[in-house]
Amino acid sequence: MIADIMQAAQSVKVKICGITQPEQAIQVAQAGADAIGMVFAKSPRQIDFDVGLKIVKSLPPFVQTVAVFVNPSEHEVERAINKCGIDMIQLHGTESPDFCKKFANRVIKAWRVKGIEDINLLKSYETTVRGFLLDTWVKDQMGGTGKTFDWSFAKEAVNQLSKSVILAGGLTPENVGDAVKLVKPWGVDASSSLEIEPGLKDINKVKVFIESAKAIKF
């Protein structure tokens, strides 16, 4: 019985990032998102801690909240956790393994992938984070580029790393199914491809994205 359960097909987890309004957070959760991302780093989608708290309070149980930072101070991370009640911290900068270790049970380390050699670099973080988010490398942009990278690198990361891998970077309702089939990640993440304008999601696109991602079983 237990073996049958372990072998049962599973679907990918979905995070929708760049949420800026409590009303949209509720709509995204109702569409089936497993996690909501809020950007506290400098970005067209940046919000402050007061808005972050309102978003967290608006959400139903079992929807995780993720605070996105780029090279934050310890104080900034602690404020997100203590003031907003954030569940997870997503770090998109050059944060060291030692910095990640301070919040290890909450940290998703984002990594902008250039090539297969990045997998060995990620291994130095394996004991200090909960998981990895793989994004596209674009010069001078820490995320939200809307561009894909070679998914074979992400597939290799899934095979080699001991922590869960979340795939990001240019995922859309049209290509997310193919990405999940190939990579078999723990989760997928999208933001700019689902927007009407920065910070405002097209809820119909969000629904199709989530349905397309979760339709693939592996």
Protein backbone atom coordinates (compact mmCIF):
# COMPACT_ATOMS: atom_id res chain seq x y z
CA MET A 1 0.00 0.00 0.00
CA ILE A 2 2.74 2.47 0.97
CA ALA A 3 4.75 1.50 -2.12
CA ASP A 4 1.69 2.15 -4.29
CA ILE A 5 1.28 5.59 -2.77
CA MET A 6 4.97 6.42 -3.26
CA GLN A 7 4.74 5.39 -6.91
CA ALA A 8 1.52 7.31 -7.60
CA ALA A 9 1.78 10.08 -10.18
CA GLN A 10 2.26 13.55 -8.78
CA SER A 11 1.78 17.00 -10.20
CA VAL A 12 4.11 19.95 -9.97
CA LYS A 13 3.68 22.73 -7.41
CA VAL A 14 2.98 26.20 -8.80
CA LYS A 15 4.15 29.56 -7.50
CA ILE A 16 2.84 32.79 -8.99
CA CYS A 17 5.22 35.64 -8.27
CA GLY A 18 5.05 39.42 -8.33
CA ILE A 19 1.71 39.70 -6.53
CA THR A 20 1.06 43.30 -5.44
CA GLN A 21 -2.58 43.35 -4.29
CA PRO A 22 -4.55 41.33 -1.71
CA GLU A 23 -7.44 41.01 -4.16
CA GLN A 24 -5.23 39.39 -6.78
CA ALA A 25 -3.61 37.17 -4.18
CA ILE A 26 -7.03 35.73 -3.39
CA GLN A 27 -7.83 35.22 -7.08
CA VAL A 28 -4.50 33.50 -7.71
CA ALA A 29 -5.04 31.22 -4.72
CA GLN A 30 -8.54 30.37 -5.93
CA ALA A 31 -7.04 29.51 -9.32
CA GLY A 32 -5.03 26.78 -7.63
CA ALA A 33 -1.63 28.31 -6.88
CA ASP A 34 0.34 26.55 -4.16
CA ALA A 35 2.42 29.63 -3.36
CA ILE A 36 2.31 33.40 -3.76
CA GLY A 37 5.48 35.43 -4.33
CA MET A 38 5.90 39.04 -3.21
CA VAL A 39 8.86 41.14 -4.33
CA PHE A 40 10.52 43.28 -1.69
CA ALA A 41 13.59 43.99 -3.85
CA LYS A 42 13.81 46.93 -6.25
CA SER A 43 11.48 46.03 -9.12
CA PRO A 44 8.42 47.28 -11.02
CA ARG A 45 6.58 44.77 -8.78
CA GLN A 46 8.11 45.90 -5.50
CA ILE A 47 5.82 46.22 -2.48
CA ASP A 48 6.46 47.31 1.10
CA PHE A 49 5.96 45.32 4.29
CA ASP A 50 2.57 46.90 5.02
CA VAL A 51 1.17 45.64 1.70
CA GLY A 52 2.91 42.32 2.27
CA LEU A 53 1.10 41.91 5.57
CA LYS A 54 -2.26 42.65 3.94
CA ILE A 55 -1.58 40.04 1.25
CA VAL A 56 -0.56 37.40 3.81
CA LYS A 57 -3.67 38.07 5.89
CA SER A 58 -5.92 37.79 2.82
CA LEU A 59 -4.83 34.27 1.88
CA PRO A 60 -6.55 31.01 2.86
CA PRO A 61 -4.73 28.22 4.73
CA PHE A 62 -2.19 26.00 2.93
CA VAL A 63 -1.15 28.68 0.42
CA GLN A 64 2.50 29.47 1.14
CA THR A 65 3.88 32.99 0.98
CA VAL A 66 7.35 33.75 -0.41
CA ALA A 67 9.30 36.99 0.04
CA VAL A 68 11.70 37.76 -2.82
CA PHE A 69 14.90 39.67 -2.01
CA VAL A 70 18.17 40.57 -3.73
CA ASN A 71 21.13 40.76 -1.33
CA PRO A 72 19.04 41.78 1.70
CA SER A 73 20.34 42.52 5.17
CA GLU A 74 19.51 40.12 7.99
CA HIS A 75 17.24 42.82 9.39
CA GLU A 76 15.18 43.00 6.18
CA VAL A 77 14.66 39.24 6.14
CA GLU A 78 13.72 39.20 9.82
CA ARG A 79 11.19 41.98 9.24
CA ALA A 80 9.55 40.03 6.42
CA ILE A 81 9.26 37.00 8.67
CA ASN A 82 8.19 38.79 11.84
CA LYS A 83 6.06 41.64 10.48
CA CYS A 84 4.44 39.94 7.49
CA GLY A 85 4.40 36.33 8.66
CA ILE A 86 6.16 35.16 5.49
CA ASP A 87 6.66 31.40 5.12
CA MET A 88 9.67 31.31 2.76
CA ILE A 89 12.48 33.61 1.64
CA GLN A 90 13.65 33.58 -2.00
CA LEU A 91 17.13 35.03 -2.41
CA HIS A 92 18.03 36.25 -5.91
CA GLY A 93 21.39 37.91 -5.31
CA THR A 94 24.92 36.83 -4.47
CA GLU A 95 24.01 35.66 -0.97
CA SER A 96 26.59 33.25 0.43
CA PRO A 97 25.87 29.80 1.87
CA ASP A 98 26.66 31.25 5.30
CA PHE A 99 24.02 33.96 4.88
CA CYS A 100 21.47 31.42 3.69
CA LYS A 101 22.24 29.23 6.69
CA LYS A 102 20.96 31.93 9.04
CA PHE A 103 17.45 31.32 7.68
CA ALA A 104 18.08 27.85 6.27
CA ASN A 105 14.69 26.29 7.01
CA ARG A 106 13.01 29.08 5.01
CA VAL A 107 15.42 29.77 2.14
CA ILE A 108 14.92 29.11 -1.57
CA LYS A 109 18.15 30.09 -3.32
CA ALA A 110 17.51 31.49 -6.78
CA TRP A 111 20.22 30.96 -9.37
CA ARG A 112 20.56 32.46 -12.83
CA VAL A 113 21.74 29.61 -15.00
CA LYS A 114 24.48 30.09 -17.59
CA GLY A 115 25.46 26.46 -18.14
CA ILE A 116 25.88 22.98 -16.73
CA GLU A 117 28.77 24.16 -14.52
CA ASP A 118 26.25 25.99 -12.33
CA ILE A 119 25.13 22.68 -10.83
CA ASN A 120 28.47 22.24 -9.06
CA LEU A 121 28.20 25.78 -7.70
CA LEU A 122 24.76 25.01 -6.31
CA LYS A 123 26.08 21.98 -4.44
CA SER A 124 27.85 24.28 -1.99
CA TYR A 125 24.40 25.51 -0.86
CA GLU A 126 22.73 22.12 -0.43
CA THR A 127 23.09 21.97 3.35
CA THR A 128 21.97 25.57 3.88
CA VAL A 129 18.72 25.89 1.89
CA ARG A 130 15.34 24.20 1.44
CA GLY A 131 15.45 24.30 -2.33
CA PHE A 132 16.65 25.99 -5.50
CA LEU A 133 14.89 28.17 -8.05
CA LEU A 134 16.56 28.12 -11.46
CA ASP A 135 16.10 31.24 -13.56
CA THR A 136 17.58 32.62 -16.77
CA TRP A 137 20.87 34.50 -16.72
CA VAL A 138 20.56 37.96 -18.27
CA LYS A 139 23.22 40.57 -17.64
CA ASP A 140 22.27 43.12 -14.96
CA GLN A 141 18.84 41.52 -14.39
CA MET A 142 18.20 39.42 -11.31
CA GLY A 143 14.90 37.97 -12.50
CA GLY A 144 11.63 38.67 -14.25
CA THR A 145 13.26 38.60 -17.69
CA GLY A 146 10.59 36.52 -19.42
CA LYS A 147 13.35 34.52 -21.13
CA THR A 148 13.91 30.77 -21.01
CA PHE A 149 17.18 28.87 -20.67
CA ASP A 150 18.25 25.40 -21.74
CA TRP A 151 15.94 23.15 -19.72
CA SER A 152 18.36 20.23 -20.01
CA PHE A 153 20.49 22.04 -17.39
CA ALA A 154 17.51 22.11 -15.05
CA LYS A 155 16.83 18.42 -15.70
CA GLU A 156 20.41 17.63 -14.74
CA ALA A 157 20.04 19.72 -11.58
CA VAL A 158 16.95 17.70 -10.61
CA ASN A 159 18.97 14.51 -11.08
CA GLN A 160 22.08 15.65 -9.23
CA LEU A 161 20.95 17.91 -6.38
CA SER A 162 19.61 16.63 -3.08
CA LYS A 163 17.19 19.55 -2.63
CA SER A 164 14.04 20.32 -4.59
CA VAL A 165 14.29 22.32 -7.82
CA ILE A 166 11.81 24.98 -8.92
CA LEU A 167 11.93 25.92 -12.59
CA ALA A 168 11.47 29.56 -13.62
CA GLY A 169 12.47 31.80 -16.50
CA GLY A 170 10.13 32.51 -19.40
CA LEU A 171 7.51 29.93 -18.51
CA THR A 172 4.13 30.59 -20.13
CA PRO A 173 0.77 28.82 -20.36
CA GLU A 174 1.94 27.56 -23.77
CA ASN A 175 5.31 26.05 -22.78
CA VAL A 176 4.97 25.08 -19.12
CA GLY A 177 3.61 21.62 -19.93
CA ASP A 178 6.63 20.79 -22.08
CA ALA A 179 8.95 22.14 -19.39
CA VAL A 180 7.38 19.97 -16.69
CA LYS A 181 7.49 16.87 -18.91
CA LEU A 182 11.20 17.30 -19.56
CA VAL A 183 12.53 18.57 -16.23
CA LYS A 184 10.11 17.02 -13.70
CA PRO A 185 10.80 19.78 -11.16
CA TRP A 186 9.25 20.03 -7.72
CA GLY A 187 7.72 23.35 -8.74
CA VAL A 188 7.37 25.99 -11.43
CA ASP A 189 7.31 29.76 -11.08
CA ALA A 190 5.94 32.49 -13.36
CA SER A 191 5.37 36.22 -13.16
CA SER A 192 5.88 38.54 -16.14
CA SER A 193 4.38 36.14 -18.71
CA LEU A 194 1.05 36.25 -16.85
CA GLU A 195 0.73 40.01 -16.59
CA ILE A 196 -1.41 42.73 -18.09
CA GLU A 197 1.20 45.16 -16.78
CA PRO A 198 3.92 44.85 -14.12
CA GLY A 199 2.28 43.82 -10.87
CA LEU A 200 -1.16 43.17 -12.37
CA LYS A 201 -1.92 39.58 -13.35
CA ASP A 202 -4.24 38.36 -16.09
CA ILE A 203 -6.23 35.87 -14.04
CA ASN A 204 -7.33 33.90 -17.10
CA LYS A 205 -3.67 33.38 -18.04
CA VAL A 206 -2.91 32.40 -14.45
CA LYS A 207 -5.66 29.76 -14.53
CA VAL A 208 -4.46 28.29 -17.82
CA PHE A 209 -0.85 28.28 -16.61
CA ILE A 210 -1.75 26.40 -13.42
CA GLU A 211 -4.00 23.94 -15.25
CA SER A 212 -1.36 23.27 -17.90
CA ALA A 213 1.37 22.71 -15.33
CA LYS A 214 -0.65 20.44 -13.08
CA ALA A 215 -2.07 18.42 -15.97
CA ILE A 216 1.34 16.75 -16.37
CA LYS A 217 1.80 13.79 -14.01
CA PHE A 218 5.10 12.13 -13.31
